[in-house]
PDB file of N, CA and C in Angstrom:
ATOM      1  N   UNK A   1       6.655  11.476  -4.869  1.00  0.00           N
ATOM      2  CA  UNK A   1       5.804  12.149  -3.918  1.00  0.00           C
ATOM      3  C   UNK A   1       4.633  12.833  -4.621  1.00  0.00           C
ATOM      4  N   UNK A   2       4.901  13.460  -5.748  1.00  0.00           N
ATOM      5  CA  UNK A   2       3.849  14.126  -6.494  1.00  0.00           C
ATOM      6  C   UNK A   2       2.832  13.111  -7.000  1.00  0.00           C
ATOM      7  N   UNK A   3       3.314  11.937  -7.444  1.00  0.00           N
ATOM      8  CA  UNK A   3       2.400  10.901  -7.914  1.00  0.00           C
ATOM      9  C   UNK A   3       1.468  10.445  -6.798  1.00  0.00           C
ATOM     10  N   UNK A   4       1.983  10.369  -5.570  1.00  0.00           N
ATOM     11  CA  UNK A   4       1.159   9.976  -4.432  1.00  0.00           C
ATOM     12  C   UNK A   4       0.051  10.990  -4.191  1.00  0.00           C
ATOM     13  N   UNK A   5       0.388  12.265  -4.300  1.00  0.00           N
ATOM     14  CA  UNK A   5      -0.618  13.315  -4.111  1.00  0.00           C
ATOM     15  C   UNK A   5      -1.677  13.249  -5.202  1.00  0.00           C
ATOM     16  N   UNK A   6      -1.242  13.021  -6.416  1.00  0.00           N
ATOM     17  CA  UNK A   6      -2.181  12.915  -7.534  1.00  0.00           C
ATOM     18  C   UNK A   6      -3.124  11.740  -7.307  1.00  0.00           C
ATOM     19  N   UNK A   7      -2.588  10.605  -6.841  1.00  0.00           N
ATOM     20  CA  UNK A   7      -3.418   9.431  -6.587  1.00  0.00           C
ATOM     21  C   UNK A   7      -4.442   9.723  -5.496  1.00  0.00           C
ATOM     22  N   UNK A   8      -4.047  10.427  -4.447  1.00  0.00           N
ATOM     23  CA  UNK A   8      -4.994  10.757  -3.374  1.00  0.00           C
ATOM     24  C   UNK A   8      -6.055  11.738  -3.863  1.00  0.00           C
ATOM     25  N   UNK A   9      -5.649  12.726  -4.636  1.00  0.00           N
ATOM     26  CA  UNK A   9      -6.620  13.688  -5.166  1.00  0.00           C
ATOM     27  C   UNK A   9      -7.625  12.984  -6.070  1.00  0.00           C
ATOM     28  N   UNK A  10      -7.140  12.074  -6.918  1.00  0.00           N
ATOM     29  CA  UNK A  10      -8.044  11.314  -7.793  1.00  0.00           C
ATOM     30  C   UNK A  10      -8.991  10.451  -6.970  1.00  0.00           C
ATOM     31  N   UNK A  11      -8.497   9.871  -5.876  1.00  0.00           N
ATOM     32  CA  UNK A  11      -9.358   9.053  -5.011  1.00  0.00           C
ATOM     33  C   UNK A  11     -10.455   9.909  -4.388  1.00  0.00           C
ATOM     34  N   UNK A  12     -10.120  11.122  -3.966  1.00  0.00           N
ATOM     35  CA  UNK A  12     -11.127  12.020  -3.409  1.00  0.00           C
ATOM     36  C   UNK A  12     -12.185  12.378  -4.445  1.00  0.00           C
ATOM     37  N   UNK A  13     -11.759  12.613  -5.664  1.00  0.00           N
ATOM     38  CA  UNK A  13     -12.690  13.023  -6.712  1.00  0.00           C
ATOM     39  C   UNK A  13     -13.582  11.881  -7.169  1.00  0.00           C
ATOM     40  N   UNK A  14     -13.060  10.665  -7.228  1.00  0.00           N
ATOM     41  CA  UNK A  14     -13.822   9.528  -7.736  1.00  0.00           C
ATOM     42  C   UNK A  14     -14.768   8.934  -6.707  1.00  0.00           C
ATOM     43  N   UNK A  15     -14.432   9.058  -5.436  1.00  0.00           N
ATOM     44  CA  UNK A  15     -15.215   8.396  -4.386  1.00  0.00           C
ATOM     45  C   UNK A  15     -16.556   9.096  -4.200  1.00  0.00           C
ATOM     46  N   UNK A  16     -17.600   8.301  -4.155  1.00  0.00           N
ATOM     47  CA  UNK A  16     -18.901   8.856  -3.830  1.00  0.00           C
ATOM     48  C   UNK A  16     -19.120   8.711  -2.326  1.00  0.00           C
ATOM     49  N   UNK A  17     -20.241   9.163  -1.818  1.00  0.00           N
ATOM     50  CA  UNK A  17     -20.472   9.185  -0.374  1.00  0.00           C
ATOM     51  C   UNK A  17     -20.413   7.805   0.267  1.00  0.00           C
ATOM     52  N   UNK A  18     -20.979   6.798  -0.376  1.00  0.00           N
ATOM     53  CA  UNK A  18     -21.047   5.471   0.218  1.00  0.00           C
ATOM     54  C   UNK A  18     -19.722   4.737   0.253  1.00  0.00           C
ATOM     55  N   UNK A  19     -18.867   4.995  -0.715  1.00  0.00           N
ATOM     56  CA  UNK A  19     -17.611   4.250  -0.810  1.00  0.00           C
ATOM     57  C   UNK A  19     -16.377   5.108  -0.563  1.00  0.00           C
ATOM     58  N   UNK A  20     -16.551   6.270  -0.003  1.00  0.00           N
ATOM     59  CA  UNK A  20     -15.428   7.190   0.170  1.00  0.00           C
ATOM     60  C   UNK A  20     -14.308   6.574   1.002  1.00  0.00           C
ATOM     61  N   UNK A  21     -14.629   6.073   2.183  1.00  0.00           N
ATOM     62  CA  UNK A  21     -13.593   5.516   3.059  1.00  0.00           C
ATOM     63  C   UNK A  21     -12.956   4.265   2.469  1.00  0.00           C
ATOM     64  N   UNK A  22     -13.757   3.427   1.836  1.00  0.00           N
ATOM     65  CA  UNK A  22     -13.216   2.219   1.221  1.00  0.00           C
ATOM     66  C   UNK A  22     -12.260   2.582   0.095  1.00  0.00           C
ATOM     67  N   UNK A  23     -12.653   3.518  -0.736  1.00  0.00           N
ATOM     68  CA  UNK A  23     -11.806   3.956  -1.841  1.00  0.00           C
ATOM     69  C   UNK A  23     -10.523   4.610  -1.330  1.00  0.00           C
ATOM     70  N   UNK A  24     -10.639   5.401  -0.297  1.00  0.00           N
ATOM     71  CA  UNK A  24      -9.474   6.050   0.293  1.00  0.00           C
ATOM     72  C   UNK A  24      -8.530   5.023   0.907  1.00  0.00           C
ATOM     73  N   UNK A  25      -9.080   4.020   1.586  1.00  0.00           N
ATOM     74  CA  UNK A  25      -8.253   2.961   2.183  1.00  0.00           C
ATOM     75  C   UNK A  25      -7.511   2.185   1.109  1.00  0.00           C
ATOM     76  N   UNK A  26      -8.187   1.847   0.009  1.00  0.00           N
ATOM     77  CA  UNK A  26      -7.533   1.142  -1.103  1.00  0.00           C
ATOM     78  C   UNK A  26      -6.366   1.954  -1.646  1.00  0.00           C
ATOM     79  N   UNK A  27      -6.596   3.248  -1.862  1.00  0.00           N
ATOM     80  CA  UNK A  27      -5.564   4.115  -2.433  1.00  0.00           C
ATOM     81  C   UNK A  27      -4.370   4.234  -1.502  1.00  0.00           C
ATOM     82  N   UNK A  28      -4.628   4.444  -0.225  1.00  0.00           N
ATOM     83  CA  UNK A  28      -3.534   4.586   0.743  1.00  0.00           C
ATOM     84  C   UNK A  28      -2.731   3.296   0.859  1.00  0.00           C
ATOM     85  N   UNK A  29      -3.396   2.159   0.927  1.00  0.00           N
ATOM     86  CA  UNK A  29      -2.680   0.886   1.013  1.00  0.00           C
ATOM     87  C   UNK A  29      -1.866   0.630  -0.247  1.00  0.00           C
ATOM     88  N   UNK A  30      -2.396   1.016  -1.404  1.00  0.00           N
ATOM     89  CA  UNK A  30      -1.657   0.841  -2.656  1.00  0.00           C
ATOM     90  C   UNK A  30      -0.410   1.714  -2.664  1.00  0.00           C
ATOM     91  N   UNK A  31      -0.523   2.947  -2.195  1.00  0.00           N
ATOM     92  CA  UNK A  31       0.632   3.851  -2.119  1.00  0.00           C
ATOM     93  C   UNK A  31       1.680   3.291  -1.168  1.00  0.00           C
ATOM     94  N   UNK A  32       1.244   2.748  -0.031  1.00  0.00           N
ATOM     95  CA  UNK A  32       2.182   2.151   0.930  1.00  0.00           C
ATOM     96  C   UNK A  32       2.935   0.971   0.328  1.00  0.00           C
ATOM     97  N   UNK A  33       2.217   0.111  -0.401  1.00  0.00           N
ATOM     98  CA  UNK A  33       2.878  -1.039  -1.028  1.00  0.00           C
ATOM     99  C   UNK A  33       3.880  -0.590  -2.083  1.00  0.00           C
ATOM    100  N   UNK A  34       3.514   0.403  -2.889  1.00  0.00           N
ATOM    101  CA  UNK A  34       4.420   0.891  -3.929  1.00  0.00           C
ATOM    102  C   UNK A  34       5.688   1.468  -3.310  1.00  0.00           C
ATOM    103  N   UNK A  35       5.548   2.241  -2.238  1.00  0.00           N
ATOM    104  CA  UNK A  35       6.716   2.823  -1.571  1.00  0.00           C
ATOM    105  C   UNK A  35       7.583   1.735  -0.951  1.00  0.00           C
ATOM    106  N   UNK A  36       6.950   0.724  -0.383  1.00  0.00           N
ATOM    107  CA  UNK A  36       7.673  -0.387   0.221  1.00  0.00           C
ATOM    108  C   UNK A  36       8.482  -1.154  -0.829  1.00  0.00           C
ATOM    109  N   UNK A  37       7.882  -1.402  -1.982  1.00  0.00           N
ATOM    110  CA  UNK A  37       8.569  -2.111  -3.062  1.00  0.00           C
ATOM    111  C   UNK A  37       9.704  -1.256  -3.629  1.00  0.00           C
ATOM    112  N   UNK A  38       9.476   0.052  -3.750  1.00  0.00           N
ATOM    113  CA  UNK A  38      10.546   0.944  -4.215  1.00  0.00           C
ATOM    114  C   UNK A  38      11.773   0.838  -3.316  1.00  0.00           C
ATOM    115  N   UNK A  39      11.550   0.816  -2.001  1.00  0.00           N
ATOM    116  CA  UNK A  39      12.657   0.676  -1.058  1.00  0.00           C
ATOM    117  C   UNK A  39      13.319  -0.686  -1.140  1.00  0.00           C
ATOM    118  N   UNK A  40      12.541  -1.718  -1.347  1.00  0.00           N
ATOM    119  CA  UNK A  40      13.067  -3.076  -1.442  1.00  0.00           C
ATOM    120  C   UNK A  40      13.908  -3.254  -2.704  1.00  0.00           C
ATOM    121  N   UNK A  41      13.441  -2.713  -3.808  1.00  0.00           N
ATOM    122  CA  UNK A  41      14.144  -2.842  -5.086  1.00  0.00           C
ATOM    123  C   UNK A  41      15.359  -1.926  -5.140  1.00  0.00           C
ATOM    124  N   UNK A  42      15.241  -0.747  -4.561  1.00  0.00           N
ATOM    125  CA  UNK A  42      16.323   0.220  -4.620  1.00  0.00           C
ATOM    126  C   UNK A  42      16.135   1.239  -5.726  1.00  0.00           C
ATOM    127  N   UNK A  43      14.970   1.257  -6.339  1.00  0.00           N
ATOM    128  CA  UNK A  43      14.663   2.222  -7.391  1.00  0.00           C
ATOM    129  C   UNK A  43      13.150   2.355  -7.522  1.00  0.00           C
ATOM    130  N   UNK A  44      12.719   3.544  -7.917  1.00  0.00           N
ATOM    131  CA  UNK A  44      11.298   3.779  -8.134  1.00  0.00           C
ATOM    132  C   UNK A  44      10.835   3.181  -9.441  1.00  0.00           C
ATOM    133  N   UNK A  45       9.566   3.273  -9.674  1.00  0.00           N
ATOM    134  CA  UNK A  45       8.979   2.757 -10.902  1.00  0.00           C
ATOM    135  C   UNK A  45       9.501   3.546 -12.103  1.00  0.00           C
ATOM    136  N   UNK A  46       9.943   2.858 -13.131  1.00  0.00           N
ATOM    137  CA  UNK A  46      10.515   3.437 -14.357  1.00  0.00           C
ATOM    138  C   UNK A  46      11.813   4.207 -14.105  1.00  0.00           C
ATOM    139  N   UNK A  47      12.438   4.003 -12.974  1.00  0.00           N
ATOM    140  CA  UNK A  47      13.664   4.715 -12.628  1.00  0.00           C
ATOM    141  C   UNK A  47      14.870   3.814 -12.867  1.00  0.00           C
ATOM    142  N   UNK A  48      15.902   4.371 -13.443  1.00  0.00           N
ATOM    143  CA  UNK A  48      17.144   3.628 -13.636  1.00  0.00           C
ATOM    144  C   UNK A  48      18.062   3.943 -12.470  1.00  0.00           C
ATOM    145  N   UNK A  49      18.655   2.889 -11.911  1.00  0.00           N
ATOM    146  CA  UNK A  49      19.521   3.081 -10.751  1.00  0.00           C
ATOM    147  C   UNK A  49      20.554   1.960 -10.688  1.00  0.00           C
ATOM    148  N   UNK A  50      21.751   2.292 -10.268  1.00  0.00           N
ATOM    149  CA  UNK A  50      22.796   1.297 -10.097  1.00  0.00           C
ATOM    150  C   UNK A  50      22.563   0.412  -8.889  1.00  0.00           C
ATOM    151  N   UNK A  51      21.775   0.882  -7.951  1.00  0.00           N
ATOM    152  CA  UNK A  51      21.504   0.116  -6.729  1.00  0.00           C
ATOM    153  C   UNK A  51      20.320  -0.824  -6.873  1.00  0.00           C
ATOM    154  N   UNK A  52      19.707  -0.847  -8.043  1.00  0.00           N
ATOM    155  CA  UNK A  52      18.524  -1.688  -8.263  1.00  0.00           C
ATOM    156  C   UNK A  52      18.895  -3.154  -8.078  1.00  0.00           C
ATOM    157  N   UNK A  53      18.096  -3.876  -7.293  1.00  0.00           N
ATOM    158  CA  UNK A  53      18.371  -5.296  -7.031  1.00  0.00           C
ATOM    159  C   UNK A  53      17.526  -6.228  -7.902  1.00  0.00           C
ATOM    160  N   UNK A  54      16.374  -5.789  -8.340  1.00  0.00           N
ATOM    161  CA  UNK A  54      15.504  -6.590  -9.199  1.00  0.00           C
ATOM    162  C   UNK A  54      14.536  -5.665  -9.918  1.00  0.00           C
ATOM    163  N   UNK A  55      13.620  -6.232 -10.663  1.00  0.00           N
ATOM    164  CA  UNK A  55      12.643  -5.451 -11.412  1.00  0.00           C
ATOM    165  C   UNK A  55      11.240  -5.887 -11.048  1.00  0.00           C
ATOM    166  N   UNK A  56      10.292  -5.009 -11.292  1.00  0.00           N
ATOM    167  CA  UNK A  56       8.887  -5.345 -11.081  1.00  0.00           C
ATOM    168  C   UNK A  56       8.428  -6.283 -12.187  1.00  0.00           C
ATOM    169  N   UNK A  57       7.406  -7.070 -11.869  1.00  0.00           N
ATOM    170  CA  UNK A  57       6.902  -8.014 -12.854  1.00  0.00           C
ATOM    171  C   UNK A  57       5.378  -8.103 -12.737  1.00  0.00           C
ATOM    172  N   UNK A  58       4.717  -6.970 -12.811  1.00  0.00           N
ATOM    173  CA  UNK A  58       3.263  -6.954 -12.771  1.00  0.00           C
ATOM    174  C   UNK A  58       2.691  -6.954 -11.364  1.00  0.00           C
ATOM    175  N   UNK A  59       1.436  -7.345 -11.271  1.00  0.00           N
ATOM    176  CA  UNK A  59       0.705  -7.344 -10.004  1.00  0.00           C
ATOM    177  C   UNK A  59      -0.104  -8.619  -9.873  1.00  0.00           C
ATOM    178  N   UNK A  60      -0.452  -8.952  -8.646  1.00  0.00           N
ATOM    179  CA  UNK A  60      -1.416 -10.020  -8.409  1.00  0.00           C
ATOM    180  C   UNK A  60      -2.552  -9.422  -7.585  1.00  0.00           C
ATOM    181  N   UNK A  61      -3.735  -9.781  -7.943  1.00  0.00           N
ATOM    182  CA  UNK A  61      -4.929  -9.252  -7.283  1.00  0.00           C
ATOM    183  C   UNK A  61      -5.146  -9.964  -5.957  1.00  0.00           C
ATOM    184  N   UNK A  62      -5.575  -9.204  -4.957  1.00  0.00           N
ATOM    185  CA  UNK A  62      -5.926  -9.792  -3.678  1.00  0.00           C
ATOM    186  C   UNK A  62      -7.070  -8.989  -3.083  1.00  0.00           C
ATOM    187  N   UNK A  63      -8.043  -9.687  -2.603  1.00  0.00           N
ATOM    188  CA  UNK A  63      -9.180  -9.062  -1.949  1.00  0.00           C
ATOM    189  C   UNK A  63      -8.931  -9.072  -0.444  1.00  0.00           C
ATOM    190  N   UNK A  64      -9.217  -7.959   0.195  1.00  0.00           N
ATOM    191  CA  UNK A  64      -9.003  -7.821   1.630  1.00  0.00           C
ATOM    192  C   UNK A  64     -10.312  -7.401   2.273  1.00  0.00           C
ATOM    193  N   UNK A  65     -10.848  -8.234   3.150  1.00  0.00           N
ATOM    194  CA  UNK A  65     -12.122  -7.940   3.799  1.00  0.00           C
ATOM    195  C   UNK A  65     -11.890  -7.148   5.081  1.00  0.00           C
ATOM    196  N   UNK A  66     -12.543  -5.996   5.176  1.00  0.00           N
ATOM    197  CA  UNK A  66     -12.458  -5.145   6.358  1.00  0.00           C
ATOM    198  C   UNK A  66     -13.859  -4.684   6.724  1.00  0.00           C
ATOM    199  N   UNK A  67     -13.963  -3.896   7.772  1.00  0.00           N
ATOM    200  CA  UNK A  67     -15.259  -3.347   8.152  1.00  0.00           C
ATOM    201  C   UNK A  67     -15.771  -2.356   7.122  1.00  0.00           C
ATOM    202  N   UNK A  68     -14.856  -1.789   6.352  1.00  0.00           N
ATOM    203  CA  UNK A  68     -15.251  -0.847   5.303  1.00  0.00           C
ATOM    204  C   UNK A  68     -15.812  -1.557   4.081  1.00  0.00           C
ATOM    205  N   UNK A  69     -15.620  -2.846   4.023  1.00  0.00           N
ATOM    206  CA  UNK A  69     -16.028  -3.638   2.867  1.00  0.00           C
ATOM    207  C   UNK A  69     -14.825  -4.343   2.289  1.00  0.00           C
ATOM    208  N   UNK A  70     -15.004  -4.932   1.155  1.00  0.00           N
ATOM    209  CA  UNK A  70     -13.925  -5.660   0.505  1.00  0.00           C
ATOM    210  C   UNK A  70     -13.043  -4.683  -0.271  1.00  0.00           C
ATOM    211  N   UNK A  71     -11.751  -4.690   0.027  1.00  0.00           N
ATOM    212  CA  UNK A  71     -10.801  -3.828  -0.657  1.00  0.00           C
ATOM    213  C   UNK A  71     -10.100  -4.647  -1.731  1.00  0.00           C
ATOM    214  N   UNK A  72     -10.011  -4.114  -2.926  1.00  0.00           N
ATOM    215  CA  UNK A  72      -9.330  -4.780  -4.026  1.00  0.00           C
ATOM    216  C   UNK A  72      -7.928  -4.204  -4.148  1.00  0.00           C
ATOM    217  N   UNK A  73      -6.935  -5.006  -3.797  1.00  0.00           N
ATOM    218  CA  UNK A  73      -5.548  -4.546  -3.813  1.00  0.00           C
ATOM    219  C   UNK A  73      -4.776  -5.214  -4.932  1.00  0.00           C
ATOM    220  N   UNK A  74      -3.774  -4.526  -5.425  1.00  0.00           N
ATOM    221  CA  UNK A  74      -2.855  -5.067  -6.426  1.00  0.00           C
ATOM    222  C   UNK A  74      -1.483  -5.163  -5.782  1.00  0.00           C
ATOM    223  N   UNK A  75      -1.066  -6.375  -5.452  1.00  0.00           N
ATOM    224  CA  UNK A  75       0.214  -6.588  -4.790  1.00  0.00           C
ATOM    225  C   UNK A  75       1.298  -6.707  -5.863  1.00  0.00           C
ATOM    226  N   UNK A  76       2.330  -5.862  -5.789  1.00  0.00           N
ATOM    227  CA  UNK A  76       3.394  -5.909  -6.795  1.00  0.00           C
ATOM    228  C   UNK A  76       4.157  -7.236  -6.762  1.00  0.00           C
ATOM    229  N   UNK A  77       4.483  -7.734  -7.955  1.00  0.00           N
ATOM    230  CA  UNK A  77       5.302  -8.938  -8.077  1.00  0.00           C
ATOM    231  C   UNK A  77       6.702  -8.510  -8.513  1.00  0.00           C
ATOM    232  N   UNK A  78       7.697  -9.305  -8.132  1.00  0.00           N
ATOM    233  CA  UNK A  78       9.081  -9.041  -8.501  1.00  0.00           C
ATOM    234  C   UNK A  78       9.593 -10.158  -9.390  1.00  0.00           C
ATOM    235  N   UNK A  79      10.571  -9.842 -10.258  1.00  0.00           N
ATOM    236  CA  UNK A  79      11.147 -10.874 -11.128  1.00  0.00           C
ATOM    237  C   UNK A  79      11.934 -11.892 -10.325  1.00  0.00           C
ATOM    238  N   UNK A  80      12.747 -11.421  -9.400  1.00  0.00           N
ATOM    239  CA  UNK A  80      13.478 -12.333  -8.516  1.00  0.00           C
ATOM    240  C   UNK A  80      13.139 -11.969  -7.088  1.00  0.00           C
ATOM    241  N   UNK A  81      12.956 -12.970  -6.272  1.00  0.00           N
ATOM    242  CA  UNK A  81      12.550 -12.735  -4.897  1.00  0.00           C
ATOM    243  C   UNK A  81      11.043 -12.617  -4.806  1.00  0.00           C
ATOM    244  N   UNK A  82      10.579 -12.172  -3.660  1.00  0.00           N
ATOM    245  CA  UNK A  82       9.143 -12.023  -3.484  1.00  0.00           C
ATOM    246  C   UNK A  82       8.854 -10.823  -2.603  1.00  0.00           C
ATOM    247  N   UNK A  83       7.626 -10.373  -2.664  1.00  0.00           N
ATOM    248  CA  UNK A  83       7.170  -9.267  -1.825  1.00  0.00           C
ATOM    249  C   UNK A  83       5.795  -9.611  -1.296  1.00  0.00           C
ATOM    250  N   UNK A  84       5.638  -9.446   0.007  1.00  0.00           N
ATOM    251  CA  UNK A  84       4.342  -9.591   0.643  1.00  0.00           C
ATOM    252  C   UNK A  84       4.235  -8.482   1.674  1.00  0.00           C
ATOM    253  N   UNK A  85       3.222  -7.627   1.572  1.00  0.00           N
ATOM    254  CA  UNK A  85       3.133  -6.483   2.480  1.00  0.00           C
ATOM    255  C   UNK A  85       2.976  -6.909   3.934  1.00  0.00           C
ATOM    256  N   UNK A  86       3.643  -6.185   4.812  1.00  0.00           N
ATOM    257  CA  UNK A  86       3.609  -6.493   6.238  1.00  0.00           C
ATOM    258  C   UNK A  86       2.248  -6.341   6.869  1.00  0.00           C
ATOM    259  N   UNK A  87       1.411  -5.440   6.330  1.00  0.00           N
ATOM    260  CA  UNK A  87       0.090  -5.248   6.931  1.00  0.00           C
ATOM    261  C   UNK A  87      -0.889  -6.349   6.544  1.00  0.00           C
ATOM    262  N   UNK A  88      -0.482  -7.281   5.681  1.00  0.00           N
ATOM    263  CA  UNK A  88      -1.330  -8.412   5.321  1.00  0.00           C
ATOM    264  C   UNK A  88      -0.811  -9.695   5.952  1.00  0.00           C
ATOM    265  N   UNK A  89      -0.350  -9.608   7.175  1.00  0.00           N
ATOM    266  CA  UNK A  89       0.168 -10.790   7.841  1.00  0.00           C
ATOM    267  C   UNK A  89      -0.914 -11.859   7.909  1.00  0.00           C
ATOM    268  N   UNK A  90      -0.548 -13.095   7.545  1.00  0.00           N
ATOM    269  CA  UNK A  90      -1.565 -14.151   7.455  1.00  0.00           C
ATOM    270  C   UNK A  90      -2.249 -14.500   8.777  1.00  0.00           C
ATOM    271  N   UNK A  91      -1.543 -14.415   9.874  1.00  0.00           N
ATOM    272  CA  UNK A  91      -2.132 -14.849  11.149  1.00  0.00           C
ATOM    273  C   UNK A  91      -2.576 -13.693  12.024  1.00  0.00           C
ATOM    274  N   UNK A  92      -2.551 -12.506  11.502  1.00  0.00           N
ATOM    275  CA  UNK A  92      -2.932 -11.334  12.280  1.00  0.00           C
ATOM    276  C   UNK A  92      -3.995 -10.580  11.499  1.00  0.00           C
ATOM    277  N   UNK A  93      -5.097 -10.277  12.133  1.00  0.00           N
ATOM    278  CA  UNK A  93      -6.135  -9.570  11.392  1.00  0.00           C
ATOM    279  C   UNK A  93      -5.642  -8.188  11.010  1.00  0.00           C
ATOM    280  N   UNK A  94      -6.076  -7.727   9.885  1.00  0.00           N
ATOM    281  CA  UNK A  94      -5.605  -6.456   9.345  1.00  0.00           C
ATOM    282  C   UNK A  94      -5.968  -5.301  10.260  1.00  0.00           C
ATOM    283  N   UNK A  95      -7.144  -5.344  10.807  1.00  0.00           N
ATOM    284  CA  UNK A  95      -7.561  -4.220  11.634  1.00  0.00           C
ATOM    285  C   UNK A  95      -6.733  -4.128  12.907  1.00  0.00           C
ATOM    286  N   UNK A  96      -6.333  -5.265  13.470  1.00  0.00           N
ATOM    287  CA  UNK A  96      -5.458  -5.226  14.635  1.00  0.00           C
ATOM    288  C   UNK A  96      -4.113  -4.627  14.257  1.00  0.00           C
ATOM    289  N   UNK A  97      -3.606  -5.009  13.104  1.00  0.00           N
ATOM    290  CA  UNK A  97      -2.330  -4.471  12.633  1.00  0.00           C
ATOM    291  C   UNK A  97      -2.454  -2.975  12.368  1.00  0.00           C
ATOM    292  N   UNK A  98      -3.563  -2.555  11.761  1.00  0.00           N
ATOM    293  CA  UNK A  98      -3.766  -1.152  11.462  1.00  0.00           C
ATOM    294  C   UNK A  98      -3.874  -0.329  12.740  1.00  0.00           C
ATOM    295  N   UNK A  99      -4.588  -0.821  13.717  1.00  0.00           N
ATOM    296  CA  UNK A  99      -4.704  -0.137  15.002  1.00  0.00           C
ATOM    297  C   UNK A  99      -3.335  -0.036  15.669  1.00  0.00           C
ATOM    298  N   UNK A 100      -2.543  -1.091  15.589  1.00  0.00           N
ATOM    299  CA  UNK A 100      -1.205  -1.066  16.182  1.00  0.00           C
ATOM    300  C   UNK A 100      -0.327  -0.018  15.512  1.00  0.00           C
ATOM    301  N   UNK A 101      -0.403   0.084  14.195  1.00  0.00           N
ATOM    302  CA  UNK A 101       0.392   1.085  13.474  1.00  0.00           C
ATOM    303  C   UNK A 101      -0.039   2.491  13.875  1.00  0.00           C
ATOM    304  N   UNK A 102      -1.331   2.723  13.967  1.00  0.00           N
ATOM    305  CA  UNK A 102      -1.832   4.049  14.353  1.00  0.00           C
ATOM    306  C   UNK A 102      -1.410   4.377  15.779  1.00  0.00           C
ATOM    307  N   UNK A 103      -1.473   3.389  16.679  1.00  0.00           N
ATOM    308  CA  UNK A 103      -1.049   3.623  18.062  1.00  0.00           C
ATOM    309  C   UNK A 103       0.433   3.969  18.135  1.00  0.00           C
ATOM    310  N   UNK A 104       1.267   3.237  17.391  1.00  0.00           N
ATOM    311  CA  UNK A 104       2.695   3.523  17.391  1.00  0.00           C
ATOM    312  C   UNK A 104       2.976   4.917  16.847  1.00  0.00           C
ATOM    313  N   UNK A 105       2.279   5.302  15.772  1.00  0.00           N
ATOM    314  CA  UNK A 105       2.466   6.619  15.192  1.00  0.00           C
ATOM    315  C   UNK A 105       2.031   7.706  16.170  1.00  0.00           C
ATOM    316  N   UNK A 106       0.947   7.471  16.882  1.00  0.00           N
ATOM    317  CA  UNK A 106       0.447   8.443  17.855  1.00  0.00           C
ATOM    318  C   UNK A 106       1.450   8.623  18.982  1.00  0.00           C
ATOM    319  N   UNK A 107       1.961   7.515  19.493  1.00  0.00           N
ATOM    320  CA  UNK A 107       2.924   7.585  20.593  1.00  0.00           C
ATOM    321  C   UNK A 107       4.228   8.243  20.136  1.00  0.00           C
ATOM    322  N   UNK A 108       4.716   7.863  18.959  1.00  0.00           N
ATOM    323  CA  UNK A 108       5.955   8.443  18.450  1.00  0.00           C
ATOM    324  C   UNK A 108       5.782   9.925  18.148  1.00  0.00           C
ATOM    325  N   UNK A 109       4.610  10.317  17.695  1.00  0.00           N
ATOM    326  CA  UNK A 109       4.361  11.729  17.379  1.00  0.00           C
ATOM    327  C   UNK A 109       4.221  12.575  18.618  1.00  0.00           C
ATOM    328  N   UNK A 110       3.735  11.962  19.691  1.00  0.00           N
ATOM    329  CA  UNK A 110       3.530  12.711  20.930  1.00  0.00           C
ATOM    330  C   UNK A 110       4.779  12.818  21.778  1.00  0.00           C
ATOM    331  N   UNK A 111       5.795  12.013  21.469  1.00  0.00           N
ATOM    332  CA  UNK A 111       7.002  12.027  22.286  1.00  0.00           C
ATOM    333  C   UNK A 111       7.950  13.124  21.896  1.00  0.00           C
TER     334      UNK A 111
END
């Protein structure tokens, strides 16, 4: 959790006026992917755990085009199995997926 806060603070400090939202979106999506992989593996990065199912094996670069511009993401790779983030569904535009997630969060928060 502390690492996530540090990453967001660094994103705020590094982003200039023109790329602030794009930089923030990249950072948030990267944090989401890391948390998702941690849950899938059963252990955090550099963490030893008996419940660990596999290990990380680097990243693969992927460019994501949005209204904010092109986002450069690093998708985590696994030694066994595979990981593909749910918000990068191949047949669904990212912005539609993002709007759906925000709508669900709004409805769940208001209930």
